[in-house]
Amino acid sequence: MLYERNDIGGEGSQEYAALYTYILDDSEQLEVRKRPLVLICPGGGYQHTSDREAEIVAMQFLAMGYHAAVLRYSCAPSVYPAALLELARSVSLIRANAVKWHIDEERIIPLGFSAGGHLVANYCIEWHEEWLGSRCGVPAGMLRPNAMILGYPVITSGEYAHRDSIQNLLGAEYEEKKEKMSLEKRITDAVPRTFIWHTCEDPSVQIQNSYLLVGALLAHHIPVEYHVFEKGGHGLSLANRLSASASGFGEEKGCQCWIELVHRWLEAVKRCDLSCS
């Protein structure tokens, strides 16, 4: 396996901003010569990036036979669009190395948890906008996501907002830009097909965040697979002992199947159909 730390920061970034890539070795003995890559954005309220939603999740996708990457994006005091630009530079870097790293260029898939889900969803809305390609110095095609996966995502800045996340993201520009950060209002046909999971009991990021996004995706005829689990708090990650916190929080047997459901979803969708845009 090729493991690398790639500096991904720019103007407004924190010094720790980096993309960690986990690339499975290629072998002539294997039938599979190109693999999907899942790019993981941990949550943390735009205050930090959670270790519980980072490398341990990447290892699960490696075990499925996919490449993986973890973006440690800039959080407060950095503000929008620092993290968004870091995600864009990450996707561009991955595409630029697709041949070298034996990546299936039609299956580059960002995954975000909680505030990382807001980052991923925002990116999947804005990836084709001229300003983003210009700031990254690449054509929009280099930034294209082929699907997105969201776990208990922050979506809205309205009634059901996780306001700490939005405030950390916008800083002093909260009042001026908070409406733009209500992502359910900005869905277009350029957004790729989506997998989402959430729990009814989530006390931090209310499940209405996912409801609002699903409704907006369906209104634009964007394919979506959505799983609601009855039990479980916020920040479950894998929902098993491997990703549980030091205090024991995070095990929820009813939710543990989410990653297998993602695997089935990715395997069931033909390559040519993975992105609907």
Protein backbone atom coordinates (compact mmCIF):
# COMPACT_ATOMS: atom_id res chain seq x y z
CA MET A 1 0.00 0.00 0.00
CA LEU A 2 1.15 3.52 -0.83
CA TYR A 3 0.54 5.90 2.07
CA GLU A 4 1.28 9.59 1.60
CA ARG A 5 0.65 12.91 3.31
CA ASN A 6 -0.09 15.58 0.71
CA ASP A 7 -0.03 19.25 1.66
CA ILE A 8 -3.30 20.71 0.43
CA GLY A 9 -3.43 24.11 2.09
CA GLY A 10 -3.66 27.53 0.50
CA GLU A 11 -4.79 31.02 1.40
CA GLY A 12 -6.76 30.91 4.62
CA SER A 13 -5.71 27.33 5.49
CA GLN A 14 -4.33 26.05 8.74
CA GLU A 15 -0.85 24.50 8.72
CA TYR A 16 -2.25 21.04 9.46
CA ALA A 17 -4.41 20.93 6.32
CA ALA A 18 -3.46 17.77 4.43
CA LEU A 19 -4.77 14.91 2.34
CA TYR A 20 -3.74 11.47 3.54
CA THR A 21 -3.92 8.89 0.73
CA TYR A 22 -4.18 5.12 1.17
CA ILE A 23 -3.57 3.54 -2.23
CA LEU A 24 -3.75 -0.24 -2.63
CA ASP A 25 -0.92 -1.82 -4.60
CA ASP A 26 -1.57 -2.79 -8.20
CA SER A 27 -0.72 -6.33 -9.27
CA GLU A 28 -0.85 -8.18 -12.57
CA GLN A 29 -2.13 -11.17 -10.59
CA LEU A 30 -5.36 -9.33 -9.83
CA GLU A 31 -8.25 -8.89 -12.24
CA VAL A 32 -9.09 -5.47 -10.81
CA ARG A 33 -6.68 -2.91 -12.28
CA LYS A 34 -8.52 0.30 -11.43
CA ARG A 35 -10.28 0.94 -8.13
CA PRO A 36 -12.77 3.52 -6.86
CA LEU A 37 -11.48 6.02 -4.31
CA VAL A 38 -13.53 7.18 -1.32
CA LEU A 39 -12.39 10.58 0.00
CA ILE A 40 -13.37 10.91 3.67
CA CYS A 41 -14.10 14.25 5.38
CA PRO A 42 -14.48 13.70 9.14
CA GLY A 43 -16.91 15.71 11.22
CA GLY A 44 -16.18 17.93 14.17
CA GLY A 45 -18.43 20.98 13.91
CA TYR A 46 -15.91 22.85 11.73
CA GLN A 47 -13.92 23.11 14.99
CA HIS A 48 -11.71 20.05 14.46
CA THR A 49 -11.68 16.84 12.40
CA SER A 50 -12.60 13.72 14.36
CA ASP A 51 -10.10 10.86 14.59
CA ARG A 52 -13.06 8.50 15.04
CA GLU A 53 -14.32 9.33 11.53
CA ALA A 54 -10.97 9.29 9.75
CA GLU A 55 -8.40 6.51 9.30
CA ILE A 56 -10.50 3.78 10.91
CA VAL A 57 -13.19 4.42 8.28
CA ALA A 58 -10.60 4.48 5.49
CA MET A 59 -9.46 1.01 6.58
CA GLN A 60 -12.98 -0.34 6.04
CA PHE A 61 -13.05 0.90 2.45
CA LEU A 62 -9.60 -0.54 1.83
CA ALA A 63 -10.92 -3.89 3.04
CA MET A 64 -13.72 -3.59 0.45
CA GLY A 65 -11.10 -3.24 -2.27
CA TYR A 66 -11.33 0.53 -2.75
CA HIS A 67 -8.63 3.16 -2.43
CA ALA A 68 -9.23 5.70 0.33
CA ALA A 69 -8.15 9.16 1.39
CA VAL A 70 -8.75 11.31 4.46
CA LEU A 71 -8.88 15.09 4.26
CA ARG A 72 -7.86 16.93 7.40
CA TYR A 73 -9.40 20.21 6.32
CA SER A 74 -8.98 23.60 7.97
CA CYS A 75 -11.43 24.46 10.74
CA ALA A 76 -12.04 27.57 12.86
CA PRO A 77 -10.49 30.10 12.94
CA SER A 78 -10.32 29.39 9.19
CA VAL A 79 -13.58 30.27 7.48
CA TYR A 80 -15.42 29.55 4.23
CA PRO A 81 -14.18 28.85 1.58
CA ALA A 82 -10.85 27.54 2.95
CA ALA A 83 -12.03 23.97 3.57
CA LEU A 84 -14.01 23.89 0.31
CA LEU A 85 -10.90 24.86 -1.64
CA GLU A 86 -8.92 22.18 0.16
CA LEU A 87 -11.47 19.57 -0.86
CA ALA A 88 -11.36 20.85 -4.44
CA ARG A 89 -7.56 20.66 -4.50
CA SER A 90 -7.80 17.13 -3.09
CA VAL A 91 -10.13 15.93 -5.86
CA SER A 92 -7.90 17.62 -8.45
CA LEU A 93 -4.80 15.94 -7.01
CA ILE A 94 -6.52 12.55 -7.05
CA ARG A 95 -7.60 12.98 -10.68
CA ALA A 96 -4.12 14.16 -11.69
CA ASN A 97 -2.66 10.96 -10.23
CA ALA A 98 -5.41 8.59 -11.39
CA VAL A 99 -3.17 6.65 -13.79
CA LYS A 100 -0.23 6.48 -11.37
CA TRP A 101 -2.45 5.38 -8.49
CA HIS A 102 -4.68 3.06 -10.57
CA ILE A 103 -7.84 4.98 -9.71
CA ASP A 104 -11.10 4.58 -11.60
CA GLU A 105 -11.66 8.19 -12.66
CA GLU A 106 -15.42 7.58 -12.89
CA ARG A 107 -15.58 6.62 -9.21
CA ILE A 108 -14.08 9.38 -7.11
CA ILE A 109 -16.53 9.66 -4.23
CA PRO A 110 -16.41 12.15 -1.33
CA LEU A 111 -17.83 10.94 1.99
CA GLY A 112 -18.64 13.34 4.82
CA PHE A 113 -19.78 12.93 8.41
CA SER A 114 -21.67 15.68 10.28
CA ALA A 115 -19.95 19.01 9.48
CA GLY A 116 -17.78 17.06 7.04
CA GLY A 117 -21.07 16.10 5.40
CA HIS A 118 -21.87 19.79 5.03
CA LEU A 119 -18.47 20.31 3.41
CA VAL A 120 -19.00 17.40 1.00
CA ALA A 121 -22.55 18.42 0.10
CA ASN A 122 -21.49 22.03 -0.41
CA TYR A 123 -18.66 20.85 -2.64
CA CYS A 124 -20.99 18.64 -4.68
CA ILE A 125 -23.16 21.72 -5.23
CA GLU A 126 -20.34 24.13 -6.10
CA TRP A 127 -17.79 21.88 -7.88
CA HIS A 128 -18.64 23.15 -11.39
CA GLU A 129 -18.72 26.87 -10.55
CA GLU A 130 -16.16 28.95 -12.42
CA TRP A 131 -14.69 30.61 -9.33
CA LEU A 132 -13.71 27.28 -7.78
CA GLY A 133 -11.84 26.00 -10.83
CA SER A 134 -10.19 29.39 -11.22
CA ARG A 135 -8.98 29.44 -7.61
CA CYS A 136 -7.61 25.91 -8.02
CA GLY A 137 -6.10 26.59 -11.45
CA VAL A 138 -7.84 23.65 -13.12
CA PRO A 139 -10.83 23.11 -15.45
CA ALA A 140 -14.10 22.14 -13.78
CA GLY A 141 -13.84 18.59 -15.10
CA MET A 142 -10.89 17.96 -12.77
CA LEU A 143 -13.11 18.75 -9.78
CA ARG A 144 -16.08 16.55 -10.64
CA PRO A 145 -17.37 14.22 -7.90
CA ASN A 146 -18.97 11.02 -9.18
CA ALA A 147 -21.22 10.41 -6.17
CA MET A 148 -21.46 11.47 -2.54
CA ILE A 149 -21.93 9.63 0.73
CA LEU A 150 -23.22 11.47 3.81
CA GLY A 151 -23.48 10.31 7.41
CA TYR A 152 -25.73 12.36 9.73
CA PRO A 153 -24.85 15.53 7.77
CA VAL A 154 -25.22 19.17 8.72
CA ILE A 155 -27.29 20.61 5.85
CA THR A 156 -29.45 23.57 6.81
CA SER A 157 -28.79 26.94 8.40
CA GLY A 158 -32.49 27.44 9.04
CA GLU A 159 -34.86 26.16 11.72
CA TYR A 160 -33.08 22.83 12.22
CA ALA A 161 -29.54 24.15 11.92
CA HIS A 162 -26.59 22.96 13.94
CA ARG A 163 -25.70 26.59 14.47
CA ASP A 164 -22.29 26.00 16.06
CA SER A 165 -21.10 24.37 12.84
CA ILE A 166 -22.38 27.18 10.63
CA GLN A 167 -20.98 29.84 12.96
CA ASN A 168 -17.57 28.15 13.04
CA LEU A 169 -17.62 27.93 9.24
CA LEU A 170 -18.51 31.59 8.67
CA GLY A 171 -17.01 33.40 11.63
CA ALA A 172 -17.67 37.13 11.49
CA GLU A 173 -19.60 36.70 8.22
CA TYR A 174 -22.26 34.49 9.80
CA GLU A 175 -25.20 36.82 9.33
CA GLU A 176 -24.13 37.80 5.82
CA LYS A 177 -23.56 34.28 4.47
CA LYS A 178 -25.65 31.91 6.59
CA GLU A 179 -28.45 31.71 3.98
CA LYS A 180 -25.96 30.48 1.37
CA MET A 181 -24.95 27.69 3.74
CA SER A 182 -28.51 26.29 3.78
CA LEU A 183 -27.65 23.67 1.19
CA GLU A 184 -31.15 22.24 0.67
CA LYS A 185 -32.00 25.50 -1.13
CA ARG A 186 -29.12 25.26 -3.60
CA ILE A 187 -29.44 21.81 -5.18
CA THR A 188 -29.02 21.73 -8.97
CA ASP A 189 -28.88 19.02 -11.59
CA ALA A 190 -25.07 19.04 -11.29
CA VAL A 191 -25.23 17.28 -7.90
CA PRO A 192 -24.29 13.57 -8.19
CA ARG A 193 -26.28 10.60 -6.93
CA THR A 194 -26.22 10.31 -3.16
CA PHE A 195 -26.24 7.87 -0.25
CA ILE A 196 -27.36 9.25 3.16
CA TRP A 197 -27.85 7.75 6.60
CA HIS A 198 -29.02 9.32 9.86
CA THR A 199 -30.67 8.33 13.15
CA CYS A 200 -34.01 9.47 14.54
CA GLU A 201 -32.48 10.06 17.97
CA ASP A 202 -29.63 12.34 16.85
CA PRO A 203 -29.66 15.11 19.49
CA SER A 204 -27.08 17.36 17.82
CA VAL A 205 -27.76 17.39 14.08
CA GLN A 206 -31.49 16.80 13.83
CA ILE A 207 -32.70 14.31 11.26
CA GLN A 208 -34.63 17.08 9.49
CA ASN A 209 -31.28 18.08 7.97
CA SER A 210 -31.29 14.88 5.95
CA TYR A 211 -35.02 15.08 5.20
CA LEU A 212 -34.58 18.53 3.69
CA LEU A 213 -31.71 17.39 1.51
CA VAL A 214 -33.47 14.25 0.32
CA GLY A 215 -36.54 16.27 -0.65
CA ALA A 216 -34.40 18.71 -2.63
CA LEU A 217 -32.53 15.90 -4.39
CA LEU A 218 -35.76 14.18 -5.38
CA ALA A 219 -37.19 17.47 -6.66
CA HIS A 220 -34.26 17.55 -9.10
CA HIS A 221 -34.62 13.85 -9.99
CA ILE A 222 -31.23 13.01 -8.49
CA PRO A 223 -31.02 9.35 -7.41
CA VAL A 224 -30.72 8.97 -3.66
CA GLU A 225 -30.57 6.06 -1.24
CA TYR A 226 -31.60 7.10 2.25
CA HIS A 227 -31.47 5.01 5.44
CA VAL A 228 -33.04 6.10 8.74
CA PHE A 229 -32.13 4.17 11.89
CA GLU A 230 -34.34 4.40 14.96
CA LYS A 231 -31.67 4.30 17.65
CA GLY A 232 -28.36 6.09 18.01
CA GLY A 233 -26.86 9.42 18.94
CA HIS A 234 -24.65 11.74 16.93
CA GLY A 235 -21.15 10.97 15.70
CA LEU A 236 -21.46 7.20 15.49
CA SER A 237 -18.85 6.70 12.74
CA LEU A 238 -18.76 2.91 12.14
CA ALA A 239 -21.13 2.47 15.13
CA ASN A 240 -19.01 -0.40 16.46
CA ARG A 241 -16.27 -0.84 19.05
CA LEU A 242 -13.54 -0.04 16.49
CA SER A 243 -14.66 3.57 16.26
CA ALA A 244 -16.16 4.00 19.74
CA SER A 245 -14.81 6.82 21.89
CA ALA A 246 -12.47 6.32 24.84
CA SER A 247 -15.51 6.69 27.10
CA GLY A 248 -17.33 3.92 25.24
CA PHE A 249 -19.72 6.09 23.24
CA GLY A 250 -20.46 5.14 19.66
CA GLU A 251 -21.53 1.51 19.64
CA GLU A 252 -25.00 1.08 18.13
CA LYS A 253 -25.63 -2.36 16.68
CA GLY A 254 -28.65 -1.29 14.65
CA CYS A 255 -26.57 1.19 12.67
CA GLN A 256 -23.51 -0.95 12.03
CA CYS A 257 -24.85 -2.15 8.70
CA TRP A 258 -24.60 1.29 7.10
CA ILE A 259 -21.15 0.68 5.66
CA GLU A 260 -22.22 -2.65 4.15
CA LEU A 261 -25.23 -0.86 2.65
CA VAL A 262 -22.83 1.68 1.11
CA HIS A 263 -20.76 -1.19 -0.28
CA ARG A 264 -23.81 -2.78 -1.88
CA TRP A 265 -24.87 0.59 -3.27
CA LEU A 266 -21.49 1.23 -4.86
CA GLU A 267 -21.26 -2.27 -6.29
CA ALA A 268 -24.82 -2.31 -7.61
CA VAL A 269 -24.55 0.90 -9.60
CA LYS A 270 -22.89 0.43 -12.95
CA ARG A 271 -19.89 2.62 -13.60
CA CYS A 272 -21.50 4.53 -16.42
CA ASP A 273 -24.47 5.33 -14.20
CA LEU A 274 -22.66 6.29 -11.00
CA SER A 275 -22.84 10.02 -11.65
CA CYS A 276 -26.18 11.25 -12.92
CA SER A 277 -24.97 14.68 -14.05
